[in-house]
mmCIF file of all heavy atoms, coordinates in Angstrom:
data_MODEL
# 
_entry.id   MODEL 
# 
loop_
_atom_site.group_PDB 
_atom_site.id 
_atom_site.type_symbol 
_atom_site.label_atom_id 
_atom_site.label_alt_id 
_atom_site.label_comp_id 
_atom_site.label_asym_id 
_atom_site.label_entity_id 
_atom_site.label_seq_id 
_atom_site.pdbx_PDB_ins_code 
_atom_site.Cartn_x 
_atom_site.Cartn_y 
_atom_site.Cartn_z 
_atom_site.occupancy 
_atom_site.B_iso_or_equiv 
_atom_site.pdbx_formal_charge 
_atom_site.auth_seq_id 
_atom_site.auth_comp_id 
_atom_site.auth_asym_id 
_atom_site.auth_atom_id 
_atom_site.pdbx_PDB_model_num 
ATOM 1   N N   . LEU A 1 1  ? 2.629  40.419 -37.703 1.00 0.00 ? 1  LEU A N   1 
ATOM 2   C CA  . LEU A 1 1  ? 2.911  40.395 -36.275 1.00 0.00 ? 1  LEU A CA  1 
ATOM 3   C C   . LEU A 1 1  ? 4.313  40.892 -36.000 1.00 0.00 ? 1  LEU A C   1 
ATOM 4   O O   . LEU A 1 1  ? 5.226  40.671 -36.776 1.00 0.00 ? 1  LEU A O   1 
ATOM 5   C CB  . LEU A 1 1  ? 2.790  38.959 -35.751 1.00 0.00 ? 1  LEU A CB  1 
ATOM 6   C CG  . LEU A 1 1  ? 1.408  38.326 -35.800 1.00 0.00 ? 1  LEU A CG  1 
ATOM 7   C CD1 . LEU A 1 1  ? 1.505  36.868 -35.365 1.00 0.00 ? 1  LEU A CD1 1 
ATOM 8   C CD2 . LEU A 1 1  ? 0.441  39.068 -34.900 1.00 0.00 ? 1  LEU A CD2 1 
ATOM 9   N N   . ASP A 1 2  ? 4.497  41.540 -34.874 1.00 0.00 ? 2  ASP A N   1 
ATOM 10  C CA  . ASP A 1 2  ? 5.820  41.876 -34.377 1.00 0.00 ? 2  ASP A CA  1 
ATOM 11  C C   . ASP A 1 2  ? 6.491  40.548 -34.060 1.00 0.00 ? 2  ASP A C   1 
ATOM 12  O O   . ASP A 1 2  ? 5.983  39.765 -33.280 1.00 0.00 ? 2  ASP A O   1 
ATOM 13  C CB  . ASP A 1 2  ? 5.669  42.741 -33.129 1.00 0.00 ? 2  ASP A CB  1 
ATOM 14  C CG  . ASP A 1 2  ? 6.977  42.988 -32.406 1.00 0.00 ? 2  ASP A CG  1 
ATOM 15  O OD1 . ASP A 1 2  ? 8.044  42.640 -32.944 1.00 0.00 ? 2  ASP A OD1 1 
ATOM 16  O OD2 . ASP A 1 2  ? 6.915  43.534 -31.298 1.00 0.00 ? 2  ASP A OD2 1 
ATOM 17  N N   . PHE A 1 3  ? 7.624  40.265 -34.678 1.00 0.00 ? 3  PHE A N   1 
ATOM 18  C CA  . PHE A 1 3  ? 8.224  38.946 -34.551 1.00 0.00 ? 3  PHE A CA  1 
ATOM 19  C C   . PHE A 1 3  ? 8.708  38.635 -33.146 1.00 0.00 ? 3  PHE A C   1 
ATOM 20  O O   . PHE A 1 3  ? 9.006  37.509 -32.824 1.00 0.00 ? 3  PHE A O   1 
ATOM 21  C CB  . PHE A 1 3  ? 9.363  38.764 -35.554 1.00 0.00 ? 3  PHE A CB  1 
ATOM 22  C CG  . PHE A 1 3  ? 10.603 39.540 -35.207 1.00 0.00 ? 3  PHE A CG  1 
ATOM 23  C CD1 . PHE A 1 3  ? 11.605 38.958 -34.457 1.00 0.00 ? 3  PHE A CD1 1 
ATOM 24  C CD2 . PHE A 1 3  ? 10.773 40.844 -35.645 1.00 0.00 ? 3  PHE A CD2 1 
ATOM 25  C CE1 . PHE A 1 3  ? 12.746 39.672 -34.148 1.00 0.00 ? 3  PHE A CE1 1 
ATOM 26  C CE2 . PHE A 1 3  ? 11.911 41.546 -35.341 1.00 0.00 ? 3  PHE A CE2 1 
ATOM 27  C CZ  . PHE A 1 3  ? 12.894 40.961 -34.591 1.00 0.00 ? 3  PHE A CZ  1 
ATOM 28  N N   . THR A 1 4  ? 8.763  39.593 -32.251 1.00 0.00 ? 4  THR A N   1 
ATOM 29  C CA  . THR A 1 4  ? 9.236  39.329 -30.899 1.00 0.00 ? 4  THR A CA  1 
ATOM 30  C C   . THR A 1 4  ? 8.074  39.204 -29.923 1.00 0.00 ? 4  THR A C   1 
ATOM 31  O O   . THR A 1 4  ? 7.719  38.112 -29.525 1.00 0.00 ? 4  THR A O   1 
ATOM 32  C CB  . THR A 1 4  ? 10.200 40.434 -30.438 1.00 0.00 ? 4  THR A CB  1 
ATOM 33  O OG1 . THR A 1 4  ? 9.596  41.702 -30.646 1.00 0.00 ? 4  THR A OG1 1 
ATOM 34  C CG2 . THR A 1 4  ? 11.512 40.357 -31.180 1.00 0.00 ? 4  THR A CG2 1 
ATOM 35  N N   . SER A 1 5  ? 7.456  40.321 -29.558 1.00 0.00 ? 5  SER A N   1 
ATOM 36  C CA  . SER A 1 5  ? 6.521  40.315 -28.440 1.00 0.00 ? 5  SER A CA  1 
ATOM 37  C C   . SER A 1 5  ? 5.294  39.440 -28.651 1.00 0.00 ? 5  SER A C   1 
ATOM 38  O O   . SER A 1 5  ? 4.849  38.786 -27.729 1.00 0.00 ? 5  SER A O   1 
ATOM 39  C CB  . SER A 1 5  ? 6.089  41.740 -28.113 1.00 0.00 ? 5  SER A CB  1 
ATOM 40  O OG  . SER A 1 5  ? 5.425  42.314 -29.207 1.00 0.00 ? 5  SER A OG  1 
ATOM 41  N N   . SER A 1 6  ? 4.727  39.413 -29.841 1.00 0.00 ? 6  SER A N   1 
ATOM 42  C CA  . SER A 1 6  ? 3.501  38.640 -30.022 1.00 0.00 ? 6  SER A CA  1 
ATOM 43  C C   . SER A 1 6  ? 3.604  37.656 -31.179 1.00 0.00 ? 6  SER A C   1 
ATOM 44  O O   . SER A 1 6  ? 2.627  37.054 -31.549 1.00 0.00 ? 6  SER A O   1 
ATOM 45  C CB  . SER A 1 6  ? 2.324  39.586 -30.272 1.00 0.00 ? 6  SER A CB  1 
ATOM 46  O OG  . SER A 1 6  ? 2.550  40.314 -31.461 1.00 0.00 ? 6  SER A OG  1 
ATOM 47  N N   . GLY A 1 7  ? 4.770  37.516 -31.712 1.00 0.00 ? 7  GLY A N   1 
ATOM 48  C CA  . GLY A 1 7  ? 4.916  36.690 -32.898 1.00 0.00 ? 7  GLY A CA  1 
ATOM 49  C C   . GLY A 1 7  ? 5.619  35.371 -32.678 1.00 0.00 ? 7  GLY A C   1 
ATOM 50  O O   . GLY A 1 7  ? 5.540  34.770 -31.608 1.00 0.00 ? 7  GLY A O   1 
ATOM 51  N N   . PRO A 1 8  ? 6.297  34.934 -33.716 1.00 0.00 ? 8  PRO A N   1 
ATOM 52  C CA  . PRO A 1 8  ? 6.906  33.607 -33.722 1.00 0.00 ? 8  PRO A CA  1 
ATOM 53  C C   . PRO A 1 8  ? 7.915  33.359 -32.609 1.00 0.00 ? 8  PRO A C   1 
ATOM 54  O O   . PRO A 1 8  ? 7.966  32.253 -32.071 1.00 0.00 ? 8  PRO A O   1 
ATOM 55  C CB  . PRO A 1 8  ? 7.602  33.531 -35.083 1.00 0.00 ? 8  PRO A CB  1 
ATOM 56  C CG  . PRO A 1 8  ? 6.966  34.579 -35.912 1.00 0.00 ? 8  PRO A CG  1 
ATOM 57  C CD  . PRO A 1 8  ? 6.464  35.625 -34.972 1.00 0.00 ? 8  PRO A CD  1 
ATOM 58  N N   . LEU A 1 9  ? 8.709  34.339 -32.229 1.00 0.00 ? 9  LEU A N   1 
ATOM 59  C CA  . LEU A 1 9  ? 9.687  34.099 -31.170 1.00 0.00 ? 9  LEU A CA  1 
ATOM 60  C C   . LEU A 1 9  ? 9.008  33.836 -29.838 1.00 0.00 ? 9  LEU A C   1 
ATOM 61  O O   . LEU A 1 9  ? 9.448  32.981 -29.070 1.00 0.00 ? 9  LEU A O   1 
ATOM 62  C CB  . LEU A 1 9  ? 10.664 35.259 -31.039 1.00 0.00 ? 9  LEU A CB  1 
ATOM 63  C CG  . LEU A 1 9  ? 11.766 35.333 -32.083 1.00 0.00 ? 9  LEU A CG  1 
ATOM 64  C CD1 . LEU A 1 9  ? 12.658 36.535 -31.829 1.00 0.00 ? 9  LEU A CD1 1 
ATOM 65  C CD2 . LEU A 1 9  ? 12.585 34.067 -32.125 1.00 0.00 ? 9  LEU A CD2 1 
ATOM 66  N N   . LEU A 1 10 ? 7.938  34.556 -29.540 1.00 0.00 ? 10 LEU A N   1 
ATOM 67  C CA  . LEU A 1 10 ? 7.213  34.307 -28.293 1.00 0.00 ? 10 LEU A CA  1 
ATOM 68  C C   . LEU A 1 10 ? 6.593  32.918 -28.328 1.00 0.00 ? 10 LEU A C   1 
ATOM 69  O O   . LEU A 1 10 ? 6.691  32.167 -27.357 1.00 0.00 ? 10 LEU A O   1 
ATOM 70  C CB  . LEU A 1 10 ? 6.156  35.367 -28.039 1.00 0.00 ? 10 LEU A CB  1 
ATOM 71  C CG  . LEU A 1 10 ? 5.311  35.162 -26.769 1.00 0.00 ? 10 LEU A CG  1 
ATOM 72  C CD1 . LEU A 1 10 ? 6.189  35.082 -25.523 1.00 0.00 ? 10 LEU A CD1 1 
ATOM 73  C CD2 . LEU A 1 10 ? 4.284  36.270 -26.631 1.00 0.00 ? 10 LEU A CD2 1 
ATOM 74  N N   . ARG A 1 11 ? 5.973  32.561 -29.448 1.00 0.00 ? 11 ARG A N   1 
ATOM 75  C CA  . ARG A 1 11 ? 5.389  31.218 -29.554 1.00 0.00 ? 11 ARG A CA  1 
ATOM 76  C C   . ARG A 1 11 ? 6.465  30.144 -29.418 1.00 0.00 ? 11 ARG A C   1 
ATOM 77  O O   . ARG A 1 11 ? 6.256  29.116 -28.780 1.00 0.00 ? 11 ARG A O   1 
ATOM 78  C CB  . ARG A 1 11 ? 4.624  31.070 -30.869 1.00 0.00 ? 11 ARG A CB  1 
ATOM 79  C CG  . ARG A 1 11 ? 3.342  31.900 -30.914 1.00 0.00 ? 11 ARG A CG  1 
ATOM 80  C CD  . ARG A 1 11 ? 2.445  31.524 -32.086 1.00 0.00 ? 11 ARG A CD  1 
ATOM 81  N NE  . ARG A 1 11 ? 3.104  31.615 -33.374 1.00 0.00 ? 11 ARG A NE  1 
ATOM 82  C CZ  . ARG A 1 11 ? 3.166  32.705 -34.126 1.00 0.00 ? 11 ARG A CZ  1 
ATOM 83  N NH1 . ARG A 1 11 ? 2.623  33.831 -33.697 1.00 0.00 ? 11 ARG A NH1 1 
ATOM 84  N NH2 . ARG A 1 11 ? 3.761  32.685 -35.300 1.00 0.00 ? 11 ARG A NH2 1 
ATOM 85  N N   . THR A 1 12 ? 7.638  30.387 -29.992 1.00 0.00 ? 12 THR A N   1 
ATOM 86  C CA  . THR A 1 12 ? 8.743  29.440 -29.883 1.00 0.00 ? 12 THR A CA  1 
ATOM 87  C C   . THR A 1 12 ? 9.192  29.314 -28.426 1.00 0.00 ? 12 THR A C   1 
ATOM 88  O O   . THR A 1 12 ? 9.351  28.203 -27.908 1.00 0.00 ? 12 THR A O   1 
ATOM 89  C CB  . THR A 1 12 ? 9.931  29.883 -30.761 1.00 0.00 ? 12 THR A CB  1 
ATOM 90  O OG1 . THR A 1 12 ? 9.500  29.936 -32.118 1.00 0.00 ? 12 THR A OG1 1 
ATOM 91  C CG2 . THR A 1 12 ? 11.092 28.920 -30.642 1.00 0.00 ? 12 THR A CG2 1 
ATOM 92  N N   . ALA A 1 13 ? 9.393  30.438 -27.757 1.00 0.00 ? 13 ALA A N   1 
ATOM 93  C CA  . ALA A 1 13 ? 9.827  30.417 -26.359 1.00 0.00 ? 13 ALA A CA  1 
ATOM 94  C C   . ALA A 1 13 ? 8.784  29.747 -25.466 1.00 0.00 ? 13 ALA A C   1 
ATOM 95  O O   . ALA A 1 13 ? 9.129  28.979 -24.554 1.00 0.00 ? 13 ALA A O   1 
ATOM 96  C CB  . ALA A 1 13 ? 10.127 31.832 -25.875 1.00 0.00 ? 13 ALA A CB  1 
ATOM 97  N N   . GLU A 1 14 ? 7.514  30.014 -25.714 1.00 0.00 ? 14 GLU A N   1 
ATOM 98  C CA  . GLU A 1 14 ? 6.458  29.371 -24.927 1.00 0.00 ? 14 GLU A CA  1 
ATOM 99  C C   . GLU A 1 14 ? 6.451  27.865 -25.148 1.00 0.00 ? 14 GLU A C   1 
ATOM 100 O O   . GLU A 1 14 ? 6.263  27.093 -24.207 1.00 0.00 ? 14 GLU A O   1 
ATOM 101 C CB  . GLU A 1 14 ? 5.096  29.982 -25.267 1.00 0.00 ? 14 GLU A CB  1 
ATOM 102 C CG  . GLU A 1 14 ? 4.934  31.382 -24.732 1.00 0.00 ? 14 GLU A CG  1 
ATOM 103 C CD  . GLU A 1 14 ? 3.667  32.079 -25.208 1.00 0.00 ? 14 GLU A CD  1 
ATOM 104 O OE1 . GLU A 1 14 ? 3.080  31.673 -26.235 1.00 0.00 ? 14 GLU A OE1 1 
ATOM 105 O OE2 . GLU A 1 14 ? 3.279  33.059 -24.548 1.00 0.00 ? 14 GLU A OE2 1 
ATOM 106 N N   . TYR A 1 15 ? 6.677  27.440 -26.383 1.00 0.00 ? 15 TYR A N   1 
ATOM 107 C CA  . TYR A 1 15 ? 6.740  26.011 -26.686 1.00 0.00 ? 15 TYR A CA  1 
ATOM 108 C C   . TYR A 1 15 ? 7.921  25.369 -25.957 1.00 0.00 ? 15 TYR A C   1 
ATOM 109 O O   . TYR A 1 15 ? 7.786  24.310 -25.347 1.00 0.00 ? 15 TYR A O   1 
ATOM 110 C CB  . TYR A 1 15 ? 6.861  25.788 -28.196 1.00 0.00 ? 15 TYR A CB  1 
ATOM 111 C CG  . TYR A 1 15 ? 6.839  24.330 -28.587 1.00 0.00 ? 15 TYR A CG  1 
ATOM 112 C CD1 . TYR A 1 15 ? 5.621  23.685 -28.823 1.00 0.00 ? 15 TYR A CD1 1 
ATOM 113 C CD2 . TYR A 1 15 ? 8.011  23.601 -28.712 1.00 0.00 ? 15 TYR A CD2 1 
ATOM 114 C CE1 . TYR A 1 15 ? 5.592  22.347 -29.172 1.00 0.00 ? 15 TYR A CE1 1 
ATOM 115 C CE2 . TYR A 1 15 ? 7.994  22.262 -29.063 1.00 0.00 ? 15 TYR A CE2 1 
ATOM 116 C CZ  . TYR A 1 15 ? 6.779  21.643 -29.296 1.00 0.00 ? 15 TYR A CZ  1 
ATOM 117 O OH  . TYR A 1 15 ? 6.759  20.317 -29.638 1.00 0.00 ? 15 TYR A OH  1 
ATOM 118 N N   . VAL A 1 16 ? 9.081  26.007 -26.003 1.00 0.00 ? 16 VAL A N   1 
ATOM 119 C CA  . VAL A 1 16 ? 10.266 25.499 -25.305 1.00 0.00 ? 16 VAL A CA  1 
ATOM 120 C C   . VAL A 1 16 ? 9.987  25.444 -23.806 1.00 0.00 ? 16 VAL A C   1 
ATOM 121 O O   . VAL A 1 16 ? 10.334 24.461 -23.135 1.00 0.00 ? 16 VAL A O   1 
ATOM 122 C CB  . VAL A 1 16 ? 11.509 26.360 -25.618 1.00 0.00 ? 16 VAL A CB  1 
ATOM 123 C CG1 . VAL A 1 16 ? 12.670 26.007 -24.696 1.00 0.00 ? 16 VAL A CG1 1 
ATOM 124 C CG2 . VAL A 1 16 ? 11.911 26.192 -27.081 1.00 0.00 ? 16 VAL A CG2 1 
ATOM 125 N N   . GLU A 1 17 ? 9.354  26.481 -23.282 1.00 0.00 ? 17 GLU A N   1 
ATOM 126 C CA  . GLU A 1 17 ? 9.031  26.527 -21.857 1.00 0.00 ? 17 GLU A CA  1 
ATOM 127 C C   . GLU A 1 17 ? 8.110  25.372 -21.469 1.00 0.00 ? 17 GLU A C   1 
ATOM 128 O O   . GLU A 1 17 ? 8.321  24.714 -20.448 1.00 0.00 ? 17 GLU A O   1 
ATOM 129 C CB  . GLU A 1 17 ? 8.367  27.871 -21.542 1.00 0.00 ? 17 GLU A CB  1 
ATOM 130 C CG  . GLU A 1 17 ? 8.142  28.157 -20.076 1.00 0.00 ? 17 GLU A CG  1 
ATOM 131 C CD  . GLU A 1 17 ? 7.603  29.571 -19.866 1.00 0.00 ? 17 GLU A CD  1 
ATOM 132 O OE1 . GLU A 1 17 ? 6.613  29.946 -20.527 1.00 0.00 ? 17 GLU A OE1 1 
ATOM 133 O OE2 . GLU A 1 17 ? 8.195  30.288 -19.051 1.00 0.00 ? 17 GLU A OE2 1 
ATOM 134 N N   . GLN A 1 18 ? 7.110  25.082 -22.300 1.00 0.00 ? 18 GLN A N   1 
ATOM 135 C CA  . GLN A 1 18 ? 6.168  23.994 -22.029 1.00 0.00 ? 18 GLN A CA  1 
ATOM 136 C C   . GLN A 1 18 ? 6.841  22.622 -22.120 1.00 0.00 ? 18 GLN A C   1 
ATOM 137 O O   . GLN A 1 18 ? 6.390  21.669 -21.486 1.00 0.00 ? 18 GLN A O   1 
ATOM 138 C CB  . GLN A 1 18 ? 4.996  24.046 -23.007 1.00 0.00 ? 18 GLN A CB  1 
ATOM 139 C CG  . GLN A 1 18 ? 4.093  25.232 -22.794 1.00 0.00 ? 18 GLN A CG  1 
ATOM 140 C CD  . GLN A 1 18 ? 3.121  25.439 -23.952 1.00 0.00 ? 18 GLN A CD  1 
ATOM 141 O OE1 . GLN A 1 18 ? 3.107  24.690 -24.921 1.00 0.00 ? 18 GLN A OE1 1 
ATOM 142 N NE2 . GLN A 1 18 ? 2.309  26.479 -23.844 1.00 0.00 ? 18 GLN A NE2 1 
ATOM 143 N N   . HIS A 1 19 ? 7.882  22.506 -22.914 1.00 0.00 ? 19 HIS A N   1 
ATOM 144 C CA  . HIS A 1 19 ? 8.595  21.236 -23.114 1.00 0.00 ? 19 HIS A CA  1 
ATOM 145 C C   . HIS A 1 19 ? 10.038 21.347 -22.617 1.00 0.00 ? 19 HIS A C   1 
ATOM 146 O O   . HIS A 1 19 ? 10.957 20.777 -23.199 1.00 0.00 ? 19 HIS A O   1 
ATOM 147 C CB  . HIS A 1 19 ? 8.561  20.853 -24.592 1.00 0.00 ? 19 HIS A CB  1 
ATOM 148 C CG  . HIS A 1 19 ? 7.170  20.685 -25.123 1.00 0.00 ? 19 HIS A CG  1 
ATOM 149 N ND1 . HIS A 1 19 ? 6.464  21.740 -25.656 1.00 0.00 ? 19 HIS A ND1 1 
ATOM 150 C CD2 . HIS A 1 19 ? 6.343  19.619 -25.151 1.00 0.00 ? 19 HIS A CD2 1 
ATOM 151 C CE1 . HIS A 1 19 ? 5.258  21.316 -26.014 1.00 0.00 ? 19 HIS A CE1 1 
ATOM 152 N NE2 . HIS A 1 19 ? 5.157  20.038 -25.718 1.00 0.00 ? 19 HIS A NE2 1 
ATOM 153 N N   . ALA A 1 20 ? 10.214 22.088 -21.517 1.00 0.00 ? 20 ALA A N   1 
ATOM 154 C CA  . ALA A 1 20 ? 11.554 22.407 -21.007 1.00 0.00 ? 20 ALA A CA  1 
ATOM 155 C C   . ALA A 1 20 ? 12.414 21.172 -20.768 1.00 0.00 ? 20 ALA A C   1 
ATOM 156 O O   . ALA A 1 20 ? 13.601 21.164 -21.106 1.00 0.00 ? 20 ALA A O   1 
ATOM 157 C CB  . ALA A 1 20 ? 11.437 23.218 -19.719 1.00 0.00 ? 20 ALA A CB  1 
ATOM 158 N N   . THR A 1 21 ? 11.840 20.134 -20.215 1.00 0.00 ? 21 THR A N   1 
ATOM 159 C CA  . THR A 1 21 ? 12.623 18.931 -19.901 1.00 0.00 ? 21 THR A CA  1 
ATOM 160 C C   . THR A 1 21 ? 13.276 18.361 -21.149 1.00 0.00 ? 21 THR A C   1 
ATOM 161 O O   . THR A 1 21 ? 14.460 18.008 -21.135 1.00 0.00 ? 21 THR A O   1 
ATOM 162 C CB  . THR A 1 21 ? 11.723 17.859 -19.248 1.00 0.00 ? 21 THR A CB  1 
ATOM 163 O OG1 . THR A 1 21 ? 11.081 18.441 -18.119 1.00 0.00 ? 21 THR A OG1 1 
ATOM 164 C CG2 . THR A 1 21 ? 12.534 16.665 -18.804 1.00 0.00 ? 21 THR A CG2 1 
ATOM 165 N N   . VAL A 1 22 ? 12.538 18.307 -22.236 1.00 0.00 ? 22 VAL A N   1 
ATOM 166 C CA  . VAL A 1 22 ? 13.074 17.776 -23.493 1.00 0.00 ? 22 VAL A CA  1 
ATOM 167 C C   . VAL A 1 22 ? 14.214 18.649 -23.997 1.00 0.00 ? 22 VAL A C   1 
ATOM 168 O O   . VAL A 1 22 ? 15.278 18.143 -24.370 1.00 0.00 ? 22 VAL A O   1 
ATOM 169 C CB  . VAL A 1 22 ? 11.958 17.694 -24.566 1.00 0.00 ? 22 VAL A CB  1 
ATOM 170 C CG1 . VAL A 1 22 ? 12.531 17.322 -25.918 1.00 0.00 ? 22 VAL A CG1 1 
ATOM 171 C CG2 . VAL A 1 22 ? 10.886 16.725 -24.133 1.00 0.00 ? 22 VAL A CG2 1 
ATOM 172 N N   . PHE A 1 23 ? 14.029 19.959 -23.994 1.00 0.00 ? 23 PHE A N   1 
ATOM 173 C CA  . PHE A 1 23 ? 15.047 20.863 -24.533 1.00 0.00 ? 23 PHE A CA  1 
ATOM 174 C C   . PHE A 1 23 ? 16.282 20.933 -23.642 1.00 0.00 ? 23 PHE A C   1 
ATOM 175 O O   . PHE A 1 23 ? 17.401 20.993 -24.142 1.00 0.00 ? 23 PHE A O   1 
ATOM 176 C CB  . PHE A 1 23 ? 14.444 22.244 -24.801 1.00 0.00 ? 23 PHE A CB  1 
ATOM 177 C CG  . PHE A 1 23 ? 13.541 22.245 -25.993 1.00 0.00 ? 23 PHE A CG  1 
ATOM 178 C CD1 . PHE A 1 23 ? 12.172 22.116 -25.845 1.00 0.00 ? 23 PHE A CD1 1 
ATOM 179 C CD2 . PHE A 1 23 ? 14.062 22.325 -27.273 1.00 0.00 ? 23 PHE A CD2 1 
ATOM 180 C CE1 . PHE A 1 23 ? 11.340 22.082 -26.955 1.00 0.00 ? 23 PHE A CE1 1 
ATOM 181 C CE2 . PHE A 1 23 ? 13.236 22.299 -28.382 1.00 0.00 ? 23 PHE A CE2 1 
ATOM 182 C CZ  . PHE A 1 23 ? 11.875 22.174 -28.219 1.00 0.00 ? 23 PHE A CZ  1 
ATOM 183 N N   . ILE A 1 24 ? 16.097 20.901 -22.329 1.00 0.00 ? 24 ILE A N   1 
ATOM 184 C CA  . ILE A 1 24 ? 17.252 20.905 -21.425 1.00 0.00 ? 24 ILE A CA  1 
ATOM 185 C C   . ILE A 1 24 ? 18.059 19.621 -21.614 1.00 0.00 ? 24 ILE A C   1 
ATOM 186 O O   . ILE A 1 24 ? 19.286 19.651 -21.685 1.00 0.00 ? 24 ILE A O   1 
ATOM 187 C CB  . ILE A 1 24 ? 16.797 21.096 -19.960 1.00 0.00 ? 24 ILE A CB  1 
ATOM 188 C CG1 . ILE A 1 24 ? 16.293 22.522 -19.769 1.00 0.00 ? 24 ILE A CG1 1 
ATOM 189 C CG2 . ILE A 1 24 ? 17.938 20.787 -18.990 1.00 0.00 ? 24 ILE A CG2 1 
ATOM 190 C CD1 . ILE A 1 24 ? 15.582 22.775 -18.454 1.00 0.00 ? 24 ILE A CD1 1 
ATOM 191 N N   . THR A 1 25 ? 17.375 18.489 -21.745 1.00 0.00 ? 25 THR A N   1 
ATOM 192 C CA  . THR A 1 25 ? 18.058 17.215 -22.004 1.00 0.00 ? 25 THR A CA  1 
ATOM 193 C C   . THR A 1 25 ? 18.790 17.259 -23.334 1.00 0.00 ? 25 THR A C   1 
ATOM 194 O O   . THR A 1 25 ? 19.945 16.839 -23.428 1.00 0.00 ? 25 THR A O   1 
ATOM 195 C CB  . THR A 1 25 ? 17.048 16.050 -21.984 1.00 0.00 ? 25 THR A CB  1 
ATOM 196 O OG1 . THR A 1 25 ? 16.415 16.020 -20.697 1.00 0.00 ? 25 THR A OG1 1 
ATOM 197 C CG2 . THR A 1 25 ? 17.731 14.725 -22.262 1.00 0.00 ? 25 THR A CG2 1 
# 
């Protein structure tokens, strides 16, 4: 996988986005 657009970084960013309150805190 391309590590940016469809790979681990996107999955990481999506996970952070879904749990934004925890990460912002």
